[in-house]
């Protein structure tokens, strides 16, 4: 960083000075002054190939008139490597990013590499095409959010994973914006559910979480079933909002009380999974997110319900 900030206050030989000064030229930047560099330093050819793939993916985005993102290009380039070699891994590779005039250094942990690999391989089919958990997020974004003119959901997800953080806060923020029908939110209910699925993969890699995809799917279905029982959409939205607030403050008892009232009103039985997971906070959270995602009215008639 001494050389990159153009503030060389220590002696180094001319060759070293040249090499350090040239490092930033290896970054691939977008039009928002964000850049990324893959420090695959075991082999110079691998390093060149990895970073060349990123610029290639960014050029493809330009040609297809898609949103240009170095982070998405990074994931797509390694997704291609995953497909070519079952032994290839992102683990222990350093990712250097540039944003807001700051460089950040992340060493990709083995478990996070596995999360990205599984998310890039797991298919999801809709009526138009077959996509993966990762690729379905390509078009998801929020305008004018947290000081940014546009927050790309794919980028926000990847940045959290690369520092071994879960997606709970991101999912919660998007659900809240969806519930209040925020006009600058361009994220479908299906994309929110895909984020929840990726979050489940994360927790299963990082801990001994026993929750399954099937349990998550059924809970989303339970939310949809309860929501369909309301003739008034506003009541459905209000219930979703109250449940989300209870999850935010990690008050499972309050969540269950709100849920019991709703089920009693419709004379239906509360899903037993919630009761069984009361003493497992993280499993309860993921089931809660899935339930709320089902409860929110579907905003895209072309989405295929699971």
C-alpha atoms as a PDB file:
ATOM      1  CA  UNK A   1       0.000   0.000   0.000  1.00  0.00           C
ATOM      2  CA  UNK A   2       3.024   2.255   0.447  1.00  0.00           C
ATOM      3  CA  UNK A   3       3.583   2.332  -3.318  1.00  0.00           C
ATOM      4  CA  UNK A   4      -0.098   2.303  -4.281  1.00  0.00           C
ATOM      5  CA  UNK A   5      -0.745   5.465  -2.261  1.00  0.00           C
ATOM      6  CA  UNK A   6       2.174   7.188  -4.015  1.00  0.00           C
ATOM      7  CA  UNK A   7       3.783   8.045  -0.701  1.00  0.00           C
ATOM      8  CA  UNK A   8       7.151   6.314  -0.823  1.00  0.00           C
ATOM      9  CA  UNK A   9       8.930   7.257   2.374  1.00  0.00           C
ATOM     10  CA  UNK A  10      11.165   4.208   2.588  1.00  0.00           C
ATOM     11  CA  UNK A  11      14.018   3.063   0.421  1.00  0.00           C
ATOM     12  CA  UNK A  12      13.487   0.313  -2.098  1.00  0.00           C
ATOM     13  CA  UNK A  13      15.510  -0.664  -5.123  1.00  0.00           C
ATOM     14  CA  UNK A  14      14.343   0.650  -8.539  1.00  0.00           C
ATOM     15  CA  UNK A  15      13.152  -2.794  -9.683  1.00  0.00           C
ATOM     16  CA  UNK A  16      11.037  -3.296  -6.546  1.00  0.00           C
ATOM     17  CA  UNK A  17       9.653   0.205  -6.910  1.00  0.00           C
ATOM     18  CA  UNK A  18       8.609  -0.540 -10.475  1.00  0.00           C
ATOM     19  CA  UNK A  19       6.988  -3.851  -9.527  1.00  0.00           C
ATOM     20  CA  UNK A  20       5.015  -2.403  -6.612  1.00  0.00           C
ATOM     21  CA  UNK A  21       3.872   0.592  -8.648  1.00  0.00           C
ATOM     22  CA  UNK A  22       2.647  -1.736 -11.411  1.00  0.00           C
ATOM     23  CA  UNK A  23       0.496  -3.869  -9.093  1.00  0.00           C
ATOM     24  CA  UNK A  24      -2.488  -1.491  -9.185  1.00  0.00           C
ATOM     25  CA  UNK A  25      -2.431  -1.682 -12.982  1.00  0.00           C
ATOM     26  CA  UNK A  26      -3.487  -5.314 -12.623  1.00  0.00           C
ATOM     27  CA  UNK A  27      -6.818  -4.300 -11.065  1.00  0.00           C
ATOM     28  CA  UNK A  28     -10.008  -4.507 -13.087  1.00  0.00           C
ATOM     29  CA  UNK A  29     -12.172  -1.442 -12.423  1.00  0.00           C
ATOM     30  CA  UNK A  30     -15.801  -0.603 -13.131  1.00  0.00           C
ATOM     31  CA  UNK A  31     -17.382   2.795 -13.780  1.00  0.00           C
ATOM     32  CA  UNK A  32     -18.061   3.240 -10.050  1.00  0.00           C
ATOM     33  CA  UNK A  33     -14.337   3.258  -9.203  1.00  0.00           C
ATOM     34  CA  UNK A  34     -14.442  -0.239  -7.727  1.00  0.00           C
ATOM     35  CA  UNK A  35     -11.623  -2.625  -8.526  1.00  0.00           C
ATOM     36  CA  UNK A  36     -10.521  -6.160  -7.785  1.00  0.00           C
ATOM     37  CA  UNK A  37      -7.270  -8.095  -8.064  1.00  0.00           C
ATOM     38  CA  UNK A  38      -6.776 -11.835  -7.514  1.00  0.00           C
ATOM     39  CA  UNK A  39      -3.401 -12.409  -5.884  1.00  0.00           C
ATOM     40  CA  UNK A  40      -2.945 -15.975  -7.130  1.00  0.00           C
ATOM     41  CA  UNK A  41       0.737 -15.821  -6.255  1.00  0.00           C
ATOM     42  CA  UNK A  42       1.699 -19.476  -6.565  1.00  0.00           C
ATOM     43  CA  UNK A  43       2.192 -19.119 -10.299  1.00  0.00           C
ATOM     44  CA  UNK A  44       2.499 -16.077 -12.570  1.00  0.00           C
ATOM     45  CA  UNK A  45       0.480 -17.718 -15.366  1.00  0.00           C
ATOM     46  CA  UNK A  46      -2.363 -18.584 -12.980  1.00  0.00           C
ATOM     47  CA  UNK A  47      -2.292 -15.002 -11.711  1.00  0.00           C
ATOM     48  CA  UNK A  48      -2.526 -13.584 -15.233  1.00  0.00           C
ATOM     49  CA  UNK A  49      -5.254 -16.038 -16.265  1.00  0.00           C
ATOM     50  CA  UNK A  50      -7.372 -15.368 -13.159  1.00  0.00           C
ATOM     51  CA  UNK A  51      -7.318 -11.596 -13.630  1.00  0.00           C
ATOM     52  CA  UNK A  52      -7.730 -11.814 -17.403  1.00  0.00           C
ATOM     53  CA  UNK A  53     -10.905 -13.857 -16.872  1.00  0.00           C
ATOM     54  CA  UNK A  54     -12.316 -11.051 -14.757  1.00  0.00           C
ATOM     55  CA  UNK A  55     -11.795  -8.420 -17.442  1.00  0.00           C
ATOM     56  CA  UNK A  56     -13.249 -10.845 -20.004  1.00  0.00           C
ATOM     57  CA  UNK A  57     -16.418 -11.263 -17.933  1.00  0.00           C
ATOM     58  CA  UNK A  58     -16.705  -7.484 -17.525  1.00  0.00           C
ATOM     59  CA  UNK A  59     -16.408  -7.031 -21.303  1.00  0.00           C
ATOM     60  CA  UNK A  60     -19.163  -9.610 -21.796  1.00  0.00           C
ATOM     61  CA  UNK A  61     -21.380  -7.602 -19.439  1.00  0.00           C
ATOM     62  CA  UNK A  62     -20.764  -4.477 -21.547  1.00  0.00           C
ATOM     63  CA  UNK A  63     -21.641  -6.332 -24.753  1.00  0.00           C
ATOM     64  CA  UNK A  64     -24.860  -7.699 -23.217  1.00  0.00           C
ATOM     65  CA  UNK A  65     -25.701  -4.276 -21.735  1.00  0.00           C
ATOM     66  CA  UNK A  66     -25.696  -5.752 -18.228  1.00  0.00           C
ATOM     67  CA  UNK A  67     -24.559  -4.123 -14.990  1.00  0.00           C
ATOM     68  CA  UNK A  68     -20.747  -4.094 -14.853  1.00  0.00           C
ATOM     69  CA  UNK A  69     -19.392  -5.451 -11.585  1.00  0.00           C
ATOM     70  CA  UNK A  70     -15.834  -6.638 -10.824  1.00  0.00           C
ATOM     71  CA  UNK A  71     -17.243  -8.742  -7.984  1.00  0.00           C
ATOM     72  CA  UNK A  72     -19.652 -10.597 -10.223  1.00  0.00           C
ATOM     73  CA  UNK A  73     -16.918 -11.025 -12.817  1.00  0.00           C
ATOM     74  CA  UNK A  74     -14.699 -12.477 -10.079  1.00  0.00           C
ATOM     75  CA  UNK A  75     -17.321 -15.078  -9.133  1.00  0.00           C
ATOM     76  CA  UNK A  76     -18.099 -15.947 -12.754  1.00  0.00           C
ATOM     77  CA  UNK A  77     -14.429 -16.409 -13.637  1.00  0.00           C
ATOM     78  CA  UNK A  78     -13.894 -18.882 -10.835  1.00  0.00           C
ATOM     79  CA  UNK A  79     -17.212 -20.564 -11.541  1.00  0.00           C
ATOM     80  CA  UNK A  80     -15.753 -21.422 -14.952  1.00  0.00           C
ATOM     81  CA  UNK A  81     -12.635 -22.822 -13.282  1.00  0.00           C
ATOM     82  CA  UNK A  82     -14.818 -24.909 -10.958  1.00  0.00           C
ATOM     83  CA  UNK A  83     -16.533 -26.430 -13.980  1.00  0.00           C
ATOM     84  CA  UNK A  84     -13.228 -27.309 -15.641  1.00  0.00           C
ATOM     85  CA  UNK A  85     -11.518 -28.845 -12.632  1.00  0.00           C
ATOM     86  CA  UNK A  86     -13.057 -30.616  -9.660  1.00  0.00           C
ATOM     87  CA  UNK A  87      -9.817 -30.141  -7.730  1.00  0.00           C
ATOM     88  CA  UNK A  88      -9.636 -26.351  -8.204  1.00  0.00           C
ATOM     89  CA  UNK A  89     -10.392 -24.280  -5.142  1.00  0.00           C
ATOM     90  CA  UNK A  90     -10.487 -20.629  -4.175  1.00  0.00           C
ATOM     91  CA  UNK A  91      -9.188 -21.478  -0.718  1.00  0.00           C
ATOM     92  CA  UNK A  92      -6.186 -19.505   0.523  1.00  0.00           C
ATOM     93  CA  UNK A  93      -6.216 -17.152  -2.471  1.00  0.00           C
ATOM     94  CA  UNK A  94      -5.959 -13.483  -1.586  1.00  0.00           C
ATOM     95  CA  UNK A  95      -8.564 -11.123  -3.032  1.00  0.00           C
ATOM     96  CA  UNK A  96      -7.588  -7.440  -2.988  1.00  0.00           C
ATOM     97  CA  UNK A  97     -10.439  -4.996  -3.583  1.00  0.00           C
ATOM     98  CA  UNK A  98     -10.513  -1.245  -4.090  1.00  0.00           C
ATOM     99  CA  UNK A  99     -13.502   0.868  -3.091  1.00  0.00           C
ATOM    100  CA  UNK A 100     -13.992   4.351  -1.646  1.00  0.00           C
ATOM    101  CA  UNK A 101     -10.267   5.039  -2.154  1.00  0.00           C
ATOM    102  CA  UNK A 102      -9.326   2.153   0.140  1.00  0.00           C
ATOM    103  CA  UNK A 103      -7.729  -1.234  -0.491  1.00  0.00           C
ATOM    104  CA  UNK A 104      -9.061  -4.270   1.368  1.00  0.00           C
ATOM    105  CA  UNK A 105      -7.303  -7.606   1.642  1.00  0.00           C
ATOM    106  CA  UNK A 106      -9.246 -10.857   2.079  1.00  0.00           C
ATOM    107  CA  UNK A 107      -7.870 -14.373   2.197  1.00  0.00           C
ATOM    108  CA  UNK A 108     -10.658 -16.681   1.012  1.00  0.00           C
ATOM    109  CA  UNK A 109     -11.174 -19.375   3.702  1.00  0.00           C
ATOM    110  CA  UNK A 110     -11.668 -22.948   2.546  1.00  0.00           C
ATOM    111  CA  UNK A 111     -15.234 -23.110   3.888  1.00  0.00           C
ATOM    112  CA  UNK A 112     -16.240 -19.891   2.119  1.00  0.00           C
ATOM    113  CA  UNK A 113     -14.747 -21.238  -1.117  1.00  0.00           C
ATOM    114  CA  UNK A 114     -17.006 -24.259  -0.639  1.00  0.00           C
ATOM    115  CA  UNK A 115     -20.064 -21.994  -0.123  1.00  0.00           C
ATOM    116  CA  UNK A 116     -19.343 -20.193  -3.399  1.00  0.00           C
ATOM    117  CA  UNK A 117     -18.744 -23.443  -5.235  1.00  0.00           C
ATOM    118  CA  UNK A 118     -21.991 -25.037  -4.035  1.00  0.00           C
ATOM    119  CA  UNK A 119     -23.987 -21.875  -4.719  1.00  0.00           C
ATOM    120  CA  UNK A 120     -22.597 -21.664  -8.253  1.00  0.00           C
ATOM    121  CA  UNK A 121     -23.454 -25.317  -8.938  1.00  0.00           C
ATOM    122  CA  UNK A 122     -26.893 -25.599  -7.344  1.00  0.00           C
ATOM    123  CA  UNK A 123     -29.507 -25.155 -10.121  1.00  0.00           C
ATOM    124  CA  UNK A 124     -32.792 -23.378  -9.868  1.00  0.00           C
ATOM    125  CA  UNK A 125     -35.299 -23.686 -12.720  1.00  0.00           C
ATOM    126  CA  UNK A 126     -37.909 -21.119 -13.649  1.00  0.00           C
ATOM    127  CA  UNK A 127     -40.168 -21.012 -16.670  1.00  0.00           C
ATOM    128  CA  UNK A 128     -37.685 -19.152 -18.853  1.00  0.00           C
ATOM    129  CA  UNK A 129     -34.335 -20.828 -18.169  1.00  0.00           C
ATOM    130  CA  UNK A 130     -32.237 -22.783 -15.704  1.00  0.00           C
ATOM    131  CA  UNK A 131     -30.069 -20.624 -13.446  1.00  0.00           C
ATOM    132  CA  UNK A 132     -28.061 -21.117 -10.262  1.00  0.00           C
ATOM    133  CA  UNK A 133     -28.487 -19.674  -6.777  1.00  0.00           C
ATOM    134  CA  UNK A 134     -25.789 -17.136  -7.617  1.00  0.00           C
ATOM    135  CA  UNK A 135     -26.720 -16.193 -11.167  1.00  0.00           C
ATOM    136  CA  UNK A 136     -30.366 -15.485 -10.342  1.00  0.00           C
ATOM    137  CA  UNK A 137     -29.128 -12.521  -8.277  1.00  0.00           C
ATOM    138  CA  UNK A 138     -27.533 -10.813 -11.301  1.00  0.00           C
ATOM    139  CA  UNK A 139     -30.438  -8.416 -11.834  1.00  0.00           C
ATOM    140  CA  UNK A 140     -31.140  -7.626  -8.160  1.00  0.00           C
ATOM    141  CA  UNK A 141     -30.270  -4.135  -6.902  1.00  0.00           C
ATOM    142  CA  UNK A 142     -31.397  -1.242  -4.688  1.00  0.00           C
ATOM    143  CA  UNK A 143     -31.189   2.360  -5.863  1.00  0.00           C
ATOM    144  CA  UNK A 144     -30.023   5.120  -3.491  1.00  0.00           C
ATOM    145  CA  UNK A 145     -29.256   2.846  -0.552  1.00  0.00           C
ATOM    146  CA  UNK A 146     -26.794   3.473   2.304  1.00  0.00           C
ATOM    147  CA  UNK A 147     -25.081   6.317   0.514  1.00  0.00           C
ATOM    148  CA  UNK A 148     -24.693   4.427  -2.769  1.00  0.00           C
ATOM    149  CA  UNK A 149     -26.454   5.356  -5.987  1.00  0.00           C
ATOM    150  CA  UNK A 150     -26.985   1.626  -6.610  1.00  0.00           C
ATOM    151  CA  UNK A 151     -26.308  -1.348  -4.324  1.00  0.00           C
ATOM    152  CA  UNK A 152     -25.905  -4.574  -6.301  1.00  0.00           C
ATOM    153  CA  UNK A 153     -27.203  -7.481  -4.186  1.00  0.00           C
ATOM    154  CA  UNK A 154     -24.709  -9.896  -5.771  1.00  0.00           C
ATOM    155  CA  UNK A 155     -21.808  -7.640  -4.737  1.00  0.00           C
ATOM    156  CA  UNK A 156     -23.139  -7.073  -1.218  1.00  0.00           C
ATOM    157  CA  UNK A 157     -23.570 -10.828  -0.718  1.00  0.00           C
ATOM    158  CA  UNK A 158     -20.072 -11.652  -2.012  1.00  0.00           C
ATOM    159  CA  UNK A 159     -18.371  -8.991   0.121  1.00  0.00           C
ATOM    160  CA  UNK A 160     -19.987 -10.425   3.256  1.00  0.00           C
ATOM    161  CA  UNK A 161     -19.035 -13.997   2.433  1.00  0.00           C
ATOM    162  CA  UNK A 162     -15.401 -13.098   1.713  1.00  0.00           C
ATOM    163  CA  UNK A 163     -15.027 -11.841   5.293  1.00  0.00           C
ATOM    164  CA  UNK A 164     -16.804 -14.990   6.577  1.00  0.00           C
ATOM    165  CA  UNK A 165     -19.938 -13.054   7.570  1.00  0.00           C
ATOM    166  CA  UNK A 166     -23.475 -14.441   7.264  1.00  0.00           C
ATOM    167  CA  UNK A 167     -26.220 -12.808   5.185  1.00  0.00           C
ATOM    168  CA  UNK A 168     -28.740 -12.235   7.993  1.00  0.00           C
ATOM    169  CA  UNK A 169     -28.556  -8.424   8.008  1.00  0.00           C
ATOM    170  CA  UNK A 170     -28.705  -8.224   4.207  1.00  0.00           C
ATOM    171  CA  UNK A 171     -31.745 -10.531   4.063  1.00  0.00           C
ATOM    172  CA  UNK A 172     -33.468  -8.612   6.873  1.00  0.00           C
ATOM    173  CA  UNK A 173     -32.906  -5.221   5.184  1.00  0.00           C
ATOM    174  CA  UNK A 174     -34.218  -6.468   1.832  1.00  0.00           C
ATOM    175  CA  UNK A 175     -37.270  -8.133   3.411  1.00  0.00           C
ATOM    176  CA  UNK A 176     -38.141  -4.907   5.211  1.00  0.00           C
ATOM    177  CA  UNK A 177     -37.860  -2.844   2.024  1.00  0.00           C
ATOM    178  CA  UNK A 178     -39.960  -5.441   0.217  1.00  0.00           C
ATOM    179  CA  UNK A 179     -42.658  -5.393   2.880  1.00  0.00           C
ATOM    180  CA  UNK A 180     -42.997  -1.583   2.805  1.00  0.00           C
ATOM    181  CA  UNK A 181     -42.936  -1.700  -1.023  1.00  0.00           C
ATOM    182  CA  UNK A 182     -39.899   0.542  -1.365  1.00  0.00           C
ATOM    183  CA  UNK A 183     -39.984   1.947  -4.899  1.00  0.00           C
ATOM    184  CA  UNK A 184     -36.202   1.789  -5.362  1.00  0.00           C
ATOM    185  CA  UNK A 185     -35.986  -1.922  -4.497  1.00  0.00           C
ATOM    186  CA  UNK A 186     -35.527  -4.075  -7.606  1.00  0.00           C
ATOM    187  CA  UNK A 187     -35.442  -7.519  -5.985  1.00  0.00           C
ATOM    188  CA  UNK A 188     -38.059 -10.227  -6.494  1.00  0.00           C
ATOM    189  CA  UNK A 189     -39.408 -12.503  -3.780  1.00  0.00           C
ATOM    190  CA  UNK A 190     -37.696 -15.404  -5.561  1.00  0.00           C
ATOM    191  CA  UNK A 191     -34.318 -13.656  -5.369  1.00  0.00           C
ATOM    192  CA  UNK A 192     -34.817 -13.042  -1.645  1.00  0.00           C
ATOM    193  CA  UNK A 193     -35.509 -16.743  -1.148  1.00  0.00           C
ATOM    194  CA  UNK A 194     -32.361 -17.604  -3.090  1.00  0.00           C
ATOM    195  CA  UNK A 195     -30.342 -15.421  -0.709  1.00  0.00           C
ATOM    196  CA  UNK A 196     -31.863 -17.364   2.192  1.00  0.00           C
ATOM    197  CA  UNK A 197     -30.810 -20.631   0.525  1.00  0.00           C
ATOM    198  CA  UNK A 198     -27.234 -19.375   0.096  1.00  0.00           C
ATOM    199  CA  UNK A 199     -27.274 -18.313   3.753  1.00  0.00           C
ATOM    200  CA  UNK A 200     -28.306 -21.849   4.705  1.00  0.00           C
ATOM    201  CA  UNK A 201     -25.341 -23.250   2.734  1.00  0.00           C
ATOM    202  CA  UNK A 202     -23.106 -20.823   4.651  1.00  0.00           C
ATOM    203  CA  UNK A 203     -24.367 -21.948   8.064  1.00  0.00           C
ATOM    204  CA  UNK A 204     -24.129 -25.629   7.163  1.00  0.00           C
ATOM    205  CA  UNK A 205     -20.480 -25.099   6.145  1.00  0.00           C
ATOM    206  CA  UNK A 206     -19.539 -22.947   9.136  1.00  0.00           C
ATOM    207  CA  UNK A 207     -21.387 -24.862  11.874  1.00  0.00           C
ATOM    208  CA  UNK A 208     -23.322 -28.041  12.574  1.00  0.00           C
ATOM    209  CA  UNK A 209     -26.669 -26.557  11.507  1.00  0.00           C
ATOM    210  CA  UNK A 210     -29.024 -29.466  10.800  1.00  0.00           C
ATOM    211  CA  UNK A 211     -31.664 -27.499   8.890  1.00  0.00           C
ATOM    212  CA  UNK A 212     -32.447 -28.864   5.409  1.00  0.00           C
ATOM    213  CA  UNK A 213     -33.474 -27.328   2.085  1.00  0.00           C
ATOM    214  CA  UNK A 214     -36.743 -29.244   2.325  1.00  0.00           C
ATOM    215  CA  UNK A 215     -37.580 -27.695   5.718  1.00  0.00           C
ATOM    216  CA  UNK A 216     -36.820 -24.253   4.300  1.00  0.00           C
ATOM    217  CA  UNK A 217     -39.026 -24.897   1.256  1.00  0.00           C
ATOM    218  CA  UNK A 218     -41.934 -26.155   3.366  1.00  0.00           C
ATOM    219  CA  UNK A 219     -41.699 -23.138   5.659  1.00  0.00           C
ATOM    220  CA  UNK A 220     -41.865 -20.790   2.704  1.00  0.00           C
ATOM    221  CA  UNK A 221     -44.936 -22.704   1.529  1.00  0.00           C
ATOM    222  CA  UNK A 222     -46.508 -22.326   4.990  1.00  0.00           C
ATOM    223  CA  UNK A 223     -45.994 -18.564   4.801  1.00  0.00           C
ATOM    224  CA  UNK A 224     -47.633 -18.424   1.384  1.00  0.00           C
ATOM    225  CA  UNK A 225     -50.551 -20.549   2.589  1.00  0.00           C
ATOM    226  CA  UNK A 226     -51.178 -18.268   5.565  1.00  0.00           C
ATOM    227  CA  UNK A 227     -50.829 -15.164   3.411  1.00  0.00           C
ATOM    228  CA  UNK A 228     -53.346 -16.473   0.887  1.00  0.00           C
ATOM    229  CA  UNK A 229     -55.883 -16.631   3.715  1.00  0.00           C
ATOM    230  CA  UNK A 230     -55.987 -12.836   3.926  1.00  0.00           C
ATOM    231  CA  UNK A 231     -58.365 -11.072   1.566  1.00  0.00           C
ATOM    232  CA  UNK A 232     -56.733  -7.765   2.536  1.00  0.00           C
ATOM    233  CA  UNK A 233     -53.148  -7.523   1.256  1.00  0.00           C
ATOM    234  CA  UNK A 234     -52.327  -4.802   3.805  1.00  0.00           C
ATOM    235  CA  UNK A 235     -53.021  -7.228   6.675  1.00  0.00           C
ATOM    236  CA  UNK A 236     -50.635  -9.687   5.058  1.00  0.00           C
ATOM    237  CA  UNK A 237     -47.945  -7.001   4.793  1.00  0.00           C
ATOM    238  CA  UNK A 238     -48.493  -5.848   8.394  1.00  0.00           C
ATOM    239  CA  UNK A 239     -48.132  -9.393   9.710  1.00  0.00           C
ATOM    240  CA  UNK A 240     -44.895  -9.864   7.747  1.00  0.00           C
ATOM    241  CA  UNK A 241     -43.524  -6.592   9.152  1.00  0.00           C
ATOM    242  CA  UNK A 242     -44.334  -7.511  12.779  1.00  0.00           C
ATOM    243  CA  UNK A 243     -42.765 -10.960  12.412  1.00  0.00           C
ATOM    244  CA  UNK A 244     -39.610  -9.473  10.886  1.00  0.00           C
ATOM    245  CA  UNK A 245     -39.252  -6.967  13.736  1.00  0.00           C
ATOM    246  CA  UNK A 246     -39.478  -9.824  16.250  1.00  0.00           C
ATOM    247  CA  UNK A 247     -36.710 -11.673  14.385  1.00  0.00           C
ATOM    248  CA  UNK A 248     -34.559  -8.523  14.341  1.00  0.00           C
ATOM    249  CA  UNK A 249     -34.588  -8.224  18.121  1.00  0.00           C
ATOM    250  CA  UNK A 250     -34.167 -12.017  18.425  1.00  0.00           C
ATOM    251  CA  UNK A 251     -37.361 -12.400  20.425  1.00  0.00           C
ATOM    252  CA  UNK A 252     -38.618 -15.855  19.471  1.00  0.00           C
ATOM    253  CA  UNK A 253     -41.423 -15.733  22.043  1.00  0.00           C
ATOM    254  CA  UNK A 254     -42.806 -12.530  20.529  1.00  0.00           C
ATOM    255  CA  UNK A 255     -42.524 -14.044  17.050  1.00  0.00           C
ATOM    256  CA  UNK A 256     -44.490 -17.111  18.156  1.00  0.00           C
ATOM    257  CA  UNK A 257     -47.183 -15.043  19.905  1.00  0.00           C
ATOM    258  CA  UNK A 258     -47.756 -12.998  16.729  1.00  0.00           C
ATOM    259  CA  UNK A 259     -47.811 -16.187  14.661  1.00  0.00           C
ATOM    260  CA  UNK A 260     -50.244 -17.965  17.005  1.00  0.00           C
ATOM    261  CA  UNK A 261     -52.680 -15.046  16.810  1.00  0.00           C
ATOM    262  CA  UNK A 262     -52.534 -15.124  13.008  1.00  0.00           C
ATOM    263  CA  UNK A 263     -53.133 -18.880  12.814  1.00  0.00           C
ATOM    264  CA  UNK A 264     -55.940 -18.750  15.384  1.00  0.00           C
ATOM    265  CA  UNK A 265     -57.620 -16.009  13.319  1.00  0.00           C
ATOM    266  CA  UNK A 266     -57.598 -18.300  10.277  1.00  0.00           C
ATOM    267  CA  UNK A 267     -58.320 -21.434  12.346  1.00  0.00           C
ATOM    268  CA  UNK A 268     -55.201 -23.191  11.072  1.00  0.00           C
ATOM    269  CA  UNK A 269     -52.421 -25.157  12.777  1.00  0.00           C
ATOM    270  CA  UNK A 270     -49.054 -23.506  13.438  1.00  0.00           C
ATOM    271  CA  UNK A 271     -46.154 -25.259  11.619  1.00  0.00           C
ATOM    272  CA  UNK A 272     -44.495 -27.591  14.108  1.00  0.00           C
ATOM    273  CA  UNK A 273     -40.990 -26.714  12.843  1.00  0.00           C
ATOM    274  CA  UNK A 274     -41.088 -23.364  14.655  1.00  0.00           C
ATOM    275  CA  UNK A 275     -41.924 -25.030  17.943  1.00  0.00           C
ATOM    276  CA  UNK A 276     -39.210 -27.669  17.443  1.00  0.00           C
ATOM    277  CA  UNK A 277     -36.547 -25.030  16.689  1.00  0.00           C
ATOM    278  CA  UNK A 278     -37.329 -22.619  19.545  1.00  0.00           C
ATOM    279  CA  UNK A 279     -34.069 -23.520  21.287  1.00  0.00           C
ATOM    280  CA  UNK A 280     -31.976 -23.284  18.132  1.00  0.00           C
ATOM    281  CA  UNK A 281     -31.801 -19.515  17.427  1.00  0.00           C
ATOM    282  CA  UNK A 282     -30.081 -19.645  14.037  1.00  0.00           C
ATOM    283  CA  UNK A 283     -32.307 -22.399  12.655  1.00  0.00           C
ATOM    284  CA  UNK A 284     -35.320 -20.464  13.934  1.00  0.00           C
ATOM    285  CA  UNK A 285     -34.050 -17.327  12.156  1.00  0.00           C
ATOM    286  CA  UNK A 286     -33.652 -19.053   8.786  1.00  0.00           C
ATOM    287  CA  UNK A 287     -37.101 -20.650   9.042  1.00  0.00           C
ATOM    288  CA  UNK A 288     -38.499 -17.233   9.968  1.00  0.00           C
ATOM    289  CA  UNK A 289     -36.928 -15.554   6.931  1.00  0.00           C
ATOM    290  CA  UNK A 290     -38.286 -18.293   4.645  1.00  0.00           C
ATOM    291  CA  UNK A 291     -41.760 -17.988   6.191  1.00  0.00           C
ATOM    292  CA  UNK A 292     -41.802 -14.204   5.739  1.00  0.00           C
ATOM    293  CA  UNK A 293     -40.564 -14.555   2.134  1.00  0.00           C
ATOM    294  CA  UNK A 294     -43.596 -16.787   1.494  1.00  0.00           C
ATOM    295  CA  UNK A 295     -45.929 -14.444   3.335  1.00  0.00           C
ATOM    296  CA  UNK A 296     -45.036 -11.442   1.139  1.00  0.00           C
ATOM    297  CA  UNK A 297     -47.283 -11.291  -1.958  1.00  0.00           C
ATOM    298  CA  UNK A 298     -45.536 -12.558  -5.091  1.00  0.00           C
ATOM    299  CA  UNK A 299     -44.674  -9.539  -7.240  1.00  0.00           C
ATOM    300  CA  UNK A 300     -43.713 -11.485 -10.372  1.00  0.00           C
ATOM    301  CA  UNK A 301     -46.337 -13.688 -11.953  1.00  0.00           C
ATOM    302  CA  UNK A 302     -43.665 -15.362 -14.061  1.00  0.00           C
ATOM    303  CA  UNK A 303     -41.851 -16.696 -11.028  1.00  0.00           C
ATOM    304  CA  UNK A 304     -42.360 -20.359 -10.502  1.00  0.00           C
ATOM    305  CA  UNK A 305     -43.422 -21.117  -6.958  1.00  0.00           C
ATOM    306  CA  UNK A 306     -41.586 -23.890  -5.228  1.00  0.00           C
END
